[in-house]
N, C-alpha and C. Protein backbone atom coordinates (compact mmCIF):
# COMPACT_ATOMS: atom_id res chain seq x y z
N UNK A 1 68.59 -21.22 31.20
CA UNK A 1 69.59 -20.88 32.20
C UNK A 1 70.81 -21.78 31.99
N UNK A 2 71.97 -21.16 31.94
CA UNK A 2 73.22 -21.88 31.76
C UNK A 2 73.88 -22.01 33.13
N UNK A 3 73.74 -23.21 33.73
CA UNK A 3 74.29 -23.42 35.08
C UNK A 3 75.77 -23.13 35.15
N UNK A 4 76.52 -23.49 34.09
CA UNK A 4 77.97 -23.23 34.08
C UNK A 4 78.27 -21.75 34.14
N UNK A 5 77.53 -20.96 33.38
CA UNK A 5 77.72 -19.50 33.38
C UNK A 5 77.34 -18.92 34.74
N UNK A 6 76.24 -19.40 35.32
CA UNK A 6 75.82 -18.89 36.63
C UNK A 6 76.85 -19.27 37.70
N UNK A 7 77.40 -20.47 37.63
CA UNK A 7 78.46 -20.86 38.57
C UNK A 7 79.65 -19.92 38.45
N UNK A 8 80.02 -19.59 37.21
CA UNK A 8 81.11 -18.64 36.98
C UNK A 8 80.76 -17.30 37.61
N UNK A 9 79.53 -16.84 37.38
CA UNK A 9 79.08 -15.54 37.91
C UNK A 9 79.10 -15.52 39.44
N UNK A 10 78.78 -16.63 40.05
CA UNK A 10 78.79 -16.72 41.52
C UNK A 10 80.19 -16.58 42.09
N UNK A 11 81.21 -16.88 41.29
CA UNK A 11 82.60 -16.82 41.75
C UNK A 11 83.23 -15.44 41.55
N UNK A 12 82.57 -14.58 40.78
CA UNK A 12 83.15 -13.27 40.47
C UNK A 12 82.88 -12.29 41.61
N UNK A 13 83.84 -11.41 41.87
CA UNK A 13 83.72 -10.43 42.95
C UNK A 13 82.46 -9.59 42.80
N UNK A 14 82.16 -9.15 41.60
CA UNK A 14 80.99 -8.31 41.37
C UNK A 14 79.87 -9.10 40.69
N UNK A 15 79.98 -10.41 40.76
CA UNK A 15 78.99 -11.28 40.14
C UNK A 15 77.76 -11.48 41.01
N UNK A 16 77.11 -12.60 40.85
CA UNK A 16 75.85 -12.88 41.54
C UNK A 16 76.12 -13.13 43.02
N UNK A 17 75.37 -12.39 43.85
CA UNK A 17 75.43 -12.59 45.31
C UNK A 17 74.01 -12.60 45.86
N UNK A 18 73.77 -13.48 46.80
CA UNK A 18 72.50 -13.51 47.51
C UNK A 18 72.63 -12.53 48.68
N UNK A 19 71.73 -11.55 48.71
CA UNK A 19 71.75 -10.51 49.74
C UNK A 19 70.35 -10.43 50.38
N UNK A 20 70.20 -9.50 51.30
CA UNK A 20 68.88 -9.29 51.91
C UNK A 20 67.90 -8.81 50.85
N UNK A 21 66.65 -9.23 50.98
CA UNK A 21 65.60 -8.71 50.09
C UNK A 21 65.51 -7.21 50.30
N UNK A 22 65.26 -6.47 49.23
CA UNK A 22 65.21 -5.02 49.37
C UNK A 22 64.09 -4.46 48.49
N UNK A 23 62.89 -4.41 49.04
CA UNK A 23 61.74 -3.94 48.26
C UNK A 23 61.85 -2.44 47.96
N UNK A 24 62.48 -1.67 48.85
CA UNK A 24 62.64 -0.23 48.60
C UNK A 24 63.54 0.01 47.39
N UNK A 25 64.65 -0.72 47.33
CA UNK A 25 65.55 -0.59 46.18
C UNK A 25 64.88 -1.13 44.92
N UNK A 26 64.12 -2.19 45.07
CA UNK A 26 63.35 -2.73 43.95
C UNK A 26 62.42 -1.65 43.39
N UNK A 27 61.70 -0.98 44.26
CA UNK A 27 60.79 0.10 43.84
C UNK A 27 61.55 1.23 43.16
N UNK A 28 62.73 1.56 43.69
CA UNK A 28 63.53 2.64 43.12
C UNK A 28 64.01 2.28 41.70
N UNK A 29 64.43 1.04 41.50
CA UNK A 29 64.87 0.62 40.17
C UNK A 29 63.70 0.61 39.20
N UNK A 30 62.52 0.22 39.66
CA UNK A 30 61.35 0.22 38.78
C UNK A 30 60.96 1.65 38.41
N UNK A 31 61.05 2.56 39.36
CA UNK A 31 60.76 3.98 39.09
C UNK A 31 61.78 4.50 38.07
N UNK A 32 63.03 4.14 38.24
CA UNK A 32 64.08 4.55 37.30
C UNK A 32 63.80 3.99 35.91
N UNK A 33 63.33 2.75 35.84
CA UNK A 33 62.98 2.14 34.55
C UNK A 33 61.87 2.93 33.86
N UNK A 34 60.84 3.29 34.62
CA UNK A 34 59.72 4.06 34.06
C UNK A 34 60.18 5.43 33.57
N UNK A 35 61.01 6.11 34.35
CA UNK A 35 61.50 7.43 33.95
C UNK A 35 62.39 7.33 32.70
N UNK A 36 63.22 6.31 32.65
CA UNK A 36 64.10 6.12 31.49
C UNK A 36 63.27 5.78 30.26
N UNK A 37 62.22 4.99 30.43
CA UNK A 37 61.32 4.66 29.33
C UNK A 37 60.67 5.93 28.78
N UNK A 38 60.22 6.80 29.65
CA UNK A 38 59.62 8.08 29.21
C UNK A 38 60.64 8.91 28.43
N UNK A 39 61.87 8.96 28.92
CA UNK A 39 62.92 9.71 28.22
C UNK A 39 63.29 9.08 26.89
N UNK A 40 63.23 7.74 26.83
CA UNK A 40 63.55 7.03 25.59
C UNK A 40 62.58 7.43 24.47
N UNK A 41 61.34 7.62 24.82
CA UNK A 41 60.32 7.93 23.82
C UNK A 41 60.64 9.22 23.07
N UNK A 42 61.21 10.20 23.74
CA UNK A 42 61.51 11.48 23.10
C UNK A 42 62.97 11.59 22.65
N UNK A 43 63.80 10.62 23.02
CA UNK A 43 65.22 10.68 22.68
C UNK A 43 65.44 10.47 21.18
N UNK A 44 66.58 10.92 20.73
CA UNK A 44 66.98 10.78 19.33
C UNK A 44 68.32 10.06 19.25
N UNK A 45 68.58 9.51 18.09
CA UNK A 45 69.87 8.90 17.80
C UNK A 45 70.26 7.79 18.75
N UNK A 46 71.55 7.74 19.08
CA UNK A 46 72.07 6.65 19.90
C UNK A 46 71.45 6.61 21.28
N UNK A 47 71.01 7.77 21.78
CA UNK A 47 70.46 7.82 23.14
C UNK A 47 69.16 7.02 23.25
N UNK A 48 68.44 6.89 22.16
CA UNK A 48 67.21 6.11 22.17
C UNK A 48 67.52 4.64 22.50
N UNK A 49 68.55 4.10 21.86
CA UNK A 49 68.95 2.70 22.10
C UNK A 49 69.53 2.55 23.51
N UNK A 50 70.36 3.49 23.93
CA UNK A 50 70.97 3.42 25.26
C UNK A 50 69.89 3.45 26.34
N UNK A 51 68.96 4.37 26.19
CA UNK A 51 67.88 4.47 27.18
C UNK A 51 66.96 3.26 27.13
N UNK A 52 66.72 2.73 25.95
CA UNK A 52 65.87 1.54 25.83
C UNK A 52 66.48 0.39 26.63
N UNK A 53 67.78 0.20 26.47
CA UNK A 53 68.44 -0.88 27.21
C UNK A 53 68.33 -0.65 28.72
N UNK A 54 68.63 0.56 29.17
CA UNK A 54 68.62 0.80 30.61
C UNK A 54 67.21 0.78 31.19
N UNK A 55 66.20 1.14 30.41
CA UNK A 55 64.82 1.00 30.89
C UNK A 55 64.54 -0.48 31.17
N UNK A 56 64.92 -1.33 30.25
CA UNK A 56 64.70 -2.78 30.41
C UNK A 56 65.58 -3.35 31.51
N UNK A 57 66.85 -2.97 31.52
CA UNK A 57 67.77 -3.52 32.51
C UNK A 57 67.36 -3.13 33.92
N UNK A 58 66.98 -1.87 34.11
CA UNK A 58 66.56 -1.43 35.45
C UNK A 58 65.28 -2.13 35.89
N UNK A 59 64.38 -2.40 34.96
CA UNK A 59 63.16 -3.15 35.30
C UNK A 59 63.53 -4.58 35.72
N UNK A 60 64.47 -5.20 35.00
CA UNK A 60 64.96 -6.53 35.38
C UNK A 60 65.65 -6.47 36.74
N UNK A 61 66.47 -5.46 36.95
CA UNK A 61 67.22 -5.36 38.21
C UNK A 61 66.28 -5.15 39.39
N UNK A 62 65.14 -4.52 39.14
CA UNK A 62 64.12 -4.37 40.17
C UNK A 62 63.66 -5.75 40.67
N UNK A 63 63.52 -6.68 39.74
CA UNK A 63 63.15 -8.06 40.11
C UNK A 63 64.26 -8.69 40.95
N UNK A 64 65.50 -8.49 40.52
CA UNK A 64 66.62 -9.07 41.27
C UNK A 64 66.65 -8.52 42.69
N UNK A 65 66.47 -7.21 42.84
CA UNK A 65 66.49 -6.61 44.18
C UNK A 65 65.36 -7.15 45.06
N UNK A 66 64.19 -7.34 44.46
CA UNK A 66 63.06 -7.86 45.23
C UNK A 66 63.33 -9.28 45.73
N UNK A 67 64.12 -10.03 44.97
CA UNK A 67 64.44 -11.40 45.36
C UNK A 67 65.75 -11.49 46.13
N UNK A 68 66.41 -10.36 46.37
CA UNK A 68 67.64 -10.37 47.14
C UNK A 68 68.83 -10.92 46.37
N UNK A 69 68.91 -10.54 45.10
CA UNK A 69 70.03 -10.96 44.27
C UNK A 69 70.72 -9.70 43.78
N UNK A 70 72.01 -9.59 44.08
CA UNK A 70 72.81 -8.45 43.65
C UNK A 70 73.79 -8.94 42.60
N UNK A 71 73.95 -8.16 41.55
CA UNK A 71 74.89 -8.53 40.50
C UNK A 71 75.29 -7.28 39.75
N UNK A 72 76.59 -7.05 39.64
CA UNK A 72 77.08 -5.86 38.96
C UNK A 72 77.65 -6.18 37.58
N UNK A 73 77.49 -7.41 37.14
CA UNK A 73 77.94 -7.82 35.80
C UNK A 73 76.68 -8.05 34.97
N UNK A 74 76.45 -7.20 33.98
CA UNK A 74 75.21 -7.25 33.22
C UNK A 74 74.97 -8.63 32.59
N UNK A 75 76.00 -9.22 32.01
CA UNK A 75 75.82 -10.54 31.40
C UNK A 75 75.32 -11.56 32.41
N UNK A 76 75.78 -11.46 33.63
CA UNK A 76 75.34 -12.39 34.68
C UNK A 76 73.89 -12.10 35.08
N UNK A 77 73.52 -10.85 35.17
CA UNK A 77 72.13 -10.50 35.47
C UNK A 77 71.20 -11.07 34.40
N UNK A 78 71.60 -10.91 33.15
CA UNK A 78 70.79 -11.41 32.05
C UNK A 78 70.70 -12.94 32.08
N UNK A 79 71.75 -13.57 32.54
CA UNK A 79 71.77 -15.04 32.62
C UNK A 79 70.71 -15.55 33.59
N UNK A 80 70.31 -14.73 34.55
CA UNK A 80 69.32 -15.15 35.55
C UNK A 80 67.88 -15.05 35.06
N UNK A 81 67.65 -14.47 33.90
CA UNK A 81 66.29 -14.22 33.44
C UNK A 81 65.43 -15.47 33.37
N UNK A 82 66.02 -16.60 33.02
CA UNK A 82 65.27 -17.84 32.93
C UNK A 82 64.65 -18.26 34.25
N UNK A 83 65.22 -17.83 35.36
CA UNK A 83 64.68 -18.16 36.67
C UNK A 83 63.36 -17.46 36.96
N UNK A 84 63.04 -16.45 36.18
CA UNK A 84 61.86 -15.62 36.46
C UNK A 84 60.75 -15.78 35.44
N UNK A 85 60.90 -16.70 34.52
CA UNK A 85 59.83 -16.97 33.57
C UNK A 85 59.88 -16.16 32.29
N UNK A 86 61.03 -15.55 32.00
CA UNK A 86 61.16 -14.87 30.72
C UNK A 86 61.29 -15.90 29.61
N UNK A 87 60.70 -15.63 28.47
CA UNK A 87 60.80 -16.54 27.32
C UNK A 87 62.17 -16.38 26.66
N UNK A 88 62.52 -17.35 25.84
CA UNK A 88 63.79 -17.28 25.10
C UNK A 88 63.82 -16.02 24.24
N UNK A 89 62.66 -15.67 23.64
CA UNK A 89 62.59 -14.48 22.80
C UNK A 89 62.85 -13.21 23.62
N UNK A 90 62.31 -13.15 24.83
CA UNK A 90 62.52 -11.97 25.69
C UNK A 90 63.99 -11.87 26.13
N UNK A 91 64.57 -13.01 26.43
CA UNK A 91 65.99 -13.03 26.81
C UNK A 91 66.85 -12.57 25.63
N UNK A 92 66.57 -13.14 24.45
CA UNK A 92 67.32 -12.75 23.25
C UNK A 92 67.12 -11.28 22.92
N UNK A 93 65.92 -10.77 23.14
CA UNK A 93 65.65 -9.34 22.90
C UNK A 93 66.56 -8.48 23.76
N UNK A 94 66.64 -8.78 25.06
CA UNK A 94 67.46 -7.95 25.95
C UNK A 94 68.95 -8.11 25.65
N UNK A 95 69.37 -9.30 25.30
CA UNK A 95 70.77 -9.51 24.92
C UNK A 95 71.10 -8.69 23.67
N UNK A 96 70.22 -8.72 22.69
CA UNK A 96 70.42 -7.96 21.46
C UNK A 96 70.43 -6.46 21.72
N UNK A 97 69.54 -6.02 22.60
CA UNK A 97 69.47 -4.60 22.96
C UNK A 97 70.76 -4.17 23.66
N UNK A 98 71.29 -5.05 24.51
CA UNK A 98 72.56 -4.76 25.19
C UNK A 98 73.68 -4.62 24.16
N UNK A 99 73.72 -5.51 23.18
CA UNK A 99 74.75 -5.43 22.14
C UNK A 99 74.62 -4.15 21.33
N UNK A 100 73.38 -3.76 21.01
CA UNK A 100 73.14 -2.51 20.28
C UNK A 100 73.61 -1.31 21.11
N UNK A 101 73.32 -1.35 22.42
CA UNK A 101 73.74 -0.27 23.31
C UNK A 101 75.26 -0.15 23.34
N UNK A 102 75.95 -1.25 23.42
CA UNK A 102 77.42 -1.25 23.44
C UNK A 102 77.97 -0.68 22.14
N UNK A 103 77.39 -1.11 21.00
CA UNK A 103 77.86 -0.59 19.71
C UNK A 103 77.65 0.92 19.61
N UNK A 104 76.50 1.39 20.10
CA UNK A 104 76.20 2.82 20.02
C UNK A 104 77.02 3.63 21.01
N UNK A 105 77.15 3.12 22.24
CA UNK A 105 77.77 3.89 23.32
C UNK A 105 79.30 3.87 23.27
N UNK A 106 79.87 2.70 23.00
CA UNK A 106 81.32 2.57 23.08
C UNK A 106 82.03 2.61 21.73
N UNK A 107 81.33 2.23 20.67
CA UNK A 107 81.97 2.19 19.35
C UNK A 107 81.39 3.25 18.41
N UNK A 108 80.45 4.06 18.94
CA UNK A 108 79.85 5.17 18.22
C UNK A 108 79.26 4.75 16.88
N UNK A 109 78.74 3.55 16.83
CA UNK A 109 78.08 3.06 15.62
C UNK A 109 76.67 3.64 15.55
N UNK A 110 76.18 3.80 14.36
CA UNK A 110 74.82 4.27 14.16
C UNK A 110 73.88 3.08 14.34
N UNK A 111 73.15 3.09 15.44
CA UNK A 111 72.25 1.98 15.75
C UNK A 111 70.85 2.56 15.93
N UNK A 112 69.89 1.92 15.31
CA UNK A 112 68.51 2.37 15.40
C UNK A 112 67.73 1.38 16.27
N UNK A 113 66.93 1.92 17.17
CA UNK A 113 66.07 1.06 17.99
C UNK A 113 65.05 0.39 17.08
N UNK A 114 65.06 -0.94 17.07
CA UNK A 114 64.23 -1.68 16.13
C UNK A 114 62.76 -1.70 16.51
N UNK A 115 62.46 -1.77 17.83
CA UNK A 115 61.07 -1.96 18.23
C UNK A 115 60.81 -1.30 19.59
N UNK A 116 60.37 -0.05 19.54
CA UNK A 116 60.08 0.70 20.76
C UNK A 116 58.98 0.01 21.57
N UNK A 117 57.99 -0.55 20.89
CA UNK A 117 56.88 -1.22 21.58
C UNK A 117 57.38 -2.43 22.36
N UNK A 118 58.41 -3.11 21.85
CA UNK A 118 58.96 -4.27 22.54
C UNK A 118 59.62 -3.86 23.86
N UNK A 119 60.22 -2.69 23.88
CA UNK A 119 60.83 -2.16 25.12
C UNK A 119 59.72 -1.95 26.15
N UNK A 120 58.63 -1.34 25.73
CA UNK A 120 57.50 -1.11 26.63
C UNK A 120 56.93 -2.45 27.14
N UNK A 121 56.80 -3.42 26.23
CA UNK A 121 56.29 -4.74 26.64
C UNK A 121 57.20 -5.41 27.65
N UNK A 122 58.51 -5.24 27.47
CA UNK A 122 59.46 -5.85 28.40
C UNK A 122 59.31 -5.26 29.80
N UNK A 123 59.20 -3.95 29.89
CA UNK A 123 59.04 -3.30 31.19
C UNK A 123 57.72 -3.76 31.84
N UNK A 124 56.67 -3.85 31.05
CA UNK A 124 55.38 -4.33 31.57
C UNK A 124 55.50 -5.78 32.06
N UNK A 125 56.23 -6.60 31.32
CA UNK A 125 56.44 -8.00 31.73
C UNK A 125 57.16 -8.04 33.08
N UNK A 126 58.16 -7.18 33.26
CA UNK A 126 58.87 -7.13 34.54
C UNK A 126 57.92 -6.75 35.67
N UNK A 127 57.04 -5.80 35.42
CA UNK A 127 56.06 -5.40 36.44
C UNK A 127 55.13 -6.56 36.78
N UNK A 128 54.76 -7.33 35.78
CA UNK A 128 53.90 -8.49 36.00
C UNK A 128 54.62 -9.54 36.85
N UNK A 129 55.88 -9.79 36.53
CA UNK A 129 56.67 -10.75 37.30
C UNK A 129 56.80 -10.27 38.75
N UNK A 130 57.07 -8.99 38.92
CA UNK A 130 57.18 -8.43 40.27
C UNK A 130 55.90 -8.64 41.08
N UNK A 131 54.78 -8.40 40.45
CA UNK A 131 53.50 -8.52 41.19
C UNK A 131 53.17 -9.97 41.50
N UNK A 132 53.72 -10.90 40.72
CA UNK A 132 53.46 -12.33 40.95
C UNK A 132 54.48 -13.00 41.86
N UNK A 133 55.49 -12.26 42.32
CA UNK A 133 56.53 -12.86 43.14
C UNK A 133 56.03 -13.05 44.59
N UNK A 134 55.75 -14.27 44.92
CA UNK A 134 55.36 -14.58 46.30
C UNK A 134 56.62 -14.89 47.10
N UNK A 135 56.49 -14.91 48.40
CA UNK A 135 57.66 -15.24 49.24
C UNK A 135 58.13 -16.67 48.96
N UNK A 136 57.20 -17.57 48.62
CA UNK A 136 57.59 -18.94 48.28
C UNK A 136 58.40 -18.98 46.98
N UNK A 137 57.97 -18.22 45.97
CA UNK A 137 58.70 -18.18 44.70
C UNK A 137 60.09 -17.58 44.91
N UNK A 138 60.14 -16.52 45.71
CA UNK A 138 61.43 -15.88 45.98
C UNK A 138 62.38 -16.86 46.66
N UNK A 139 61.89 -17.57 47.65
CA UNK A 139 62.73 -18.52 48.38
C UNK A 139 63.21 -19.64 47.45
N UNK A 140 62.35 -20.12 46.56
CA UNK A 140 62.74 -21.17 45.62
C UNK A 140 63.83 -20.68 44.67
N UNK A 141 63.69 -19.47 44.15
CA UNK A 141 64.70 -18.90 43.25
C UNK A 141 66.04 -18.77 43.96
N UNK A 142 66.00 -18.24 45.18
CA UNK A 142 67.23 -18.07 45.97
C UNK A 142 67.88 -19.43 46.25
N UNK A 143 67.06 -20.42 46.59
CA UNK A 143 67.56 -21.77 46.88
C UNK A 143 68.21 -22.38 45.64
N UNK A 144 67.57 -22.21 44.48
CA UNK A 144 68.12 -22.76 43.24
C UNK A 144 69.48 -22.14 42.89
N UNK A 145 69.61 -20.84 43.12
CA UNK A 145 70.88 -20.17 42.82
C UNK A 145 71.94 -20.60 43.84
N UNK A 146 71.58 -20.66 45.11
CA UNK A 146 72.53 -21.08 46.14
C UNK A 146 73.04 -22.49 45.88
N UNK A 147 72.19 -23.35 45.31
CA UNK A 147 72.58 -24.74 45.08
C UNK A 147 73.67 -24.86 44.01
N UNK A 148 73.88 -23.80 43.24
CA UNK A 148 74.90 -23.85 42.18
C UNK A 148 76.29 -23.45 42.66
N UNK A 149 76.41 -23.02 43.90
CA UNK A 149 77.70 -22.58 44.43
C UNK A 149 78.70 -23.70 44.44
């Protein structure tokens, strides 16, 4: 976790904000992640990479919603991953997937999804983190982020 980057994100209008916990929205984002993952499996070309990223991102955002963290800047959301027990490799995977998605979506580059199984593992990891989130863990995460203001 880069405290300087998180401090910057806390100052942005659409950056990191502590909001009410929202388990319903958390469930909706997780459902969206599962549906996008299913669509990714049958997708072709650039859409496979785009859907892979959004399956992972929505699963991550489900965690943020459950902990009452809102963020509309993807880089800032990804910066928070260390607070939830993601490994450096998992963080780098999602950052790389985001870069591939941008190249495919905005620059129309030919990008191939490198590891479909890794996308599935990431979504499963998010589900595991969600199931392990106790109210004490949630409060600690929120407190740590608030302390950076």
